[in-house]
Amino acid sequence: MDNNKLFPQKISCMLWFDNQAEEAVSFYTSLFPNAKAGQKTYYSADDHDTHYHPVKKLMTYDFVLDGHQFIALNG
């Protein structure tokens, strides 16, 4: 019996990068045959006082490796 069908993944691993999240997702997804890059989110001007990153800089990038969900974060 496939446990992934009974218990879908509820936790995603987040990998923290300084500025290399997009490159990391590209690299990791090139290594696995069933990998898929997903949605990107970007830092906004609304929260600039909190995060201090340039507006429209990549914040997170979702990806899947062999059925497991990950999030790359430019922190």
C-alpha atoms as a PDB file:
ATOM      1  CA  MET A   1       0.000   0.000   0.000  1.00  0.00           C
ATOM      2  CA  ASP A   2       1.291   3.462  -0.902  1.00  0.00           C
ATOM      3  CA  ASN A   3       1.537   5.545   2.298  1.00  0.00           C
ATOM      4  CA  ASN A   4       1.823   8.748   0.215  1.00  0.00           C
ATOM      5  CA  LYS A   5      -1.778   8.266  -0.897  1.00  0.00           C
ATOM      6  CA  LEU A   6      -2.973   7.553   2.637  1.00  0.00           C
ATOM      7  CA  PHE A   7      -0.941  10.296   4.287  1.00  0.00           C
ATOM      8  CA  PRO A   8      -0.158  13.140   1.876  1.00  0.00           C
ATOM      9  CA  GLN A   9       2.897  15.165   2.786  1.00  0.00           C
ATOM     10  CA  LYS A  10       2.003  17.795   5.372  1.00  0.00           C
ATOM     11  CA  ILE A  11       5.460  19.211   6.048  1.00  0.00           C
ATOM     12  CA  SER A  12       7.730  20.876   3.514  1.00  0.00           C
ATOM     13  CA  CYS A  13      11.448  21.216   4.042  1.00  0.00           C
ATOM     14  CA  MET A  14      12.700  24.797   3.682  1.00  0.00           C
ATOM     15  CA  LEU A  15      16.256  25.358   2.505  1.00  0.00           C
ATOM     16  CA  TRP A  16      17.694  28.763   3.423  1.00  0.00           C
ATOM     17  CA  PHE A  17      20.021  30.543   1.005  1.00  0.00           C
ATOM     18  CA  ASP A  18      21.586  33.992   1.029  1.00  0.00           C
ATOM     19  CA  ASN A  19      20.872  34.733  -2.634  1.00  0.00           C
ATOM     20  CA  GLN A  20      21.181  31.408  -4.450  1.00  0.00           C
ATOM     21  CA  ALA A  21      17.675  29.915  -4.158  1.00  0.00           C
ATOM     22  CA  GLU A  22      16.914  30.040  -7.881  1.00  0.00           C
ATOM     23  CA  GLU A  23      20.259  28.501  -8.805  1.00  0.00           C
ATOM     24  CA  ALA A  24      19.809  25.801  -6.163  1.00  0.00           C
ATOM     25  CA  VAL A  25      16.354  24.846  -7.444  1.00  0.00           C
ATOM     26  CA  SER A  26      17.730  24.657 -10.969  1.00  0.00           C
ATOM     27  CA  PHE A  27      20.583  22.434  -9.777  1.00  0.00           C
ATOM     28  CA  TYR A  28      18.469  20.111  -7.584  1.00  0.00           C
ATOM     29  CA  THR A  29      15.757  19.670 -10.203  1.00  0.00           C
ATOM     30  CA  SER A  30      18.423  18.752 -12.780  1.00  0.00           C
ATOM     31  CA  LEU A  31      19.551  15.819 -10.592  1.00  0.00           C
ATOM     32  CA  PHE A  32      16.210  14.027 -10.168  1.00  0.00           C
ATOM     33  CA  PRO A  33      14.239  12.597 -13.101  1.00  0.00           C
ATOM     34  CA  ASN A  34      10.831  13.290 -11.489  1.00  0.00           C
ATOM     35  CA  ALA A  35      11.666  16.802 -10.274  1.00  0.00           C
ATOM     36  CA  LYS A  36       9.545  19.852 -10.909  1.00  0.00           C
ATOM     37  CA  ALA A  37      10.059  23.536 -10.173  1.00  0.00           C
ATOM     38  CA  GLY A  38       6.956  25.332  -8.950  1.00  0.00           C
ATOM     39  CA  GLN A  39       5.725  28.709  -7.815  1.00  0.00           C
ATOM     40  CA  LYS A  40       7.963  31.692  -7.086  1.00  0.00           C
ATOM     41  CA  THR A  41       7.196  34.501  -4.643  1.00  0.00           C
ATOM     42  CA  TYR A  42       8.953  37.854  -4.460  1.00  0.00           C
ATOM     43  CA  TYR A  43       9.683  40.396  -1.743  1.00  0.00           C
ATOM     44  CA  SER A  44       7.257  43.308  -1.796  1.00  0.00           C
ATOM     45  CA  ALA A  45       7.466  46.967  -0.872  1.00  0.00           C
ATOM     46  CA  ASP A  46       4.710  46.486   1.729  1.00  0.00           C
ATOM     47  CA  ASP A  47       6.995  44.617   4.133  1.00  0.00           C
ATOM     48  CA  HIS A  48      10.301  46.261   3.264  1.00  0.00           C
ATOM     49  CA  ASP A  49      10.688  47.584   6.837  1.00  0.00           C
ATOM     50  CA  THR A  50      10.649  43.968   8.032  1.00  0.00           C
ATOM     51  CA  HIS A  51      12.720  42.094   5.467  1.00  0.00           C
ATOM     52  CA  TYR A  52      15.087  44.785   4.075  1.00  0.00           C
ATOM     53  CA  HIS A  53      15.442  42.924   0.747  1.00  0.00           C
ATOM     54  CA  PRO A  54      15.136  44.701  -2.593  1.00  0.00           C
ATOM     55  CA  VAL A  55      11.579  44.831  -3.905  1.00  0.00           C
ATOM     56  CA  LYS A  56      10.823  42.110  -6.468  1.00  0.00           C
ATOM     57  CA  LYS A  57      13.807  40.009  -5.363  1.00  0.00           C
ATOM     58  CA  LEU A  58      13.008  36.272  -5.325  1.00  0.00           C
ATOM     59  CA  MET A  59      11.856  35.276  -1.842  1.00  0.00           C
ATOM     60  CA  THR A  60      10.743  31.627  -2.176  1.00  0.00           C
ATOM     61  CA  TYR A  61      10.749  28.999  -4.888  1.00  0.00           C
ATOM     62  CA  ASP A  62       8.747  25.791  -4.443  1.00  0.00           C
ATOM     63  CA  PHE A  63       9.964  22.555  -5.979  1.00  0.00           C
ATOM     64  CA  VAL A  64       9.352  18.813  -5.824  1.00  0.00           C
ATOM     65  CA  LEU A  65      11.997  16.084  -5.801  1.00  0.00           C
ATOM     66  CA  ASP A  66      10.810  12.509  -6.149  1.00  0.00           C
ATOM     67  CA  GLY A  67       7.391  13.412  -4.751  1.00  0.00           C
ATOM     68  CA  HIS A  68       8.702  15.423  -1.775  1.00  0.00           C
ATOM     69  CA  GLN A  69       7.965  19.131  -1.506  1.00  0.00           C
ATOM     70  CA  PHE A  70      10.689  21.653  -0.741  1.00  0.00           C
ATOM     71  CA  ILE A  71      10.874  25.429  -0.486  1.00  0.00           C
ATOM     72  CA  ALA A  72      14.021  27.386  -1.280  1.00  0.00           C
ATOM     73  CA  LEU A  73      14.203  30.706   0.584  1.00  0.00           C
ATOM     74  CA  ASN A  74      16.458  33.674  -0.108  1.00  0.00           C
ATOM     75  CA  GLY A  75      16.696  34.785   3.505  1.00  0.00           C
END
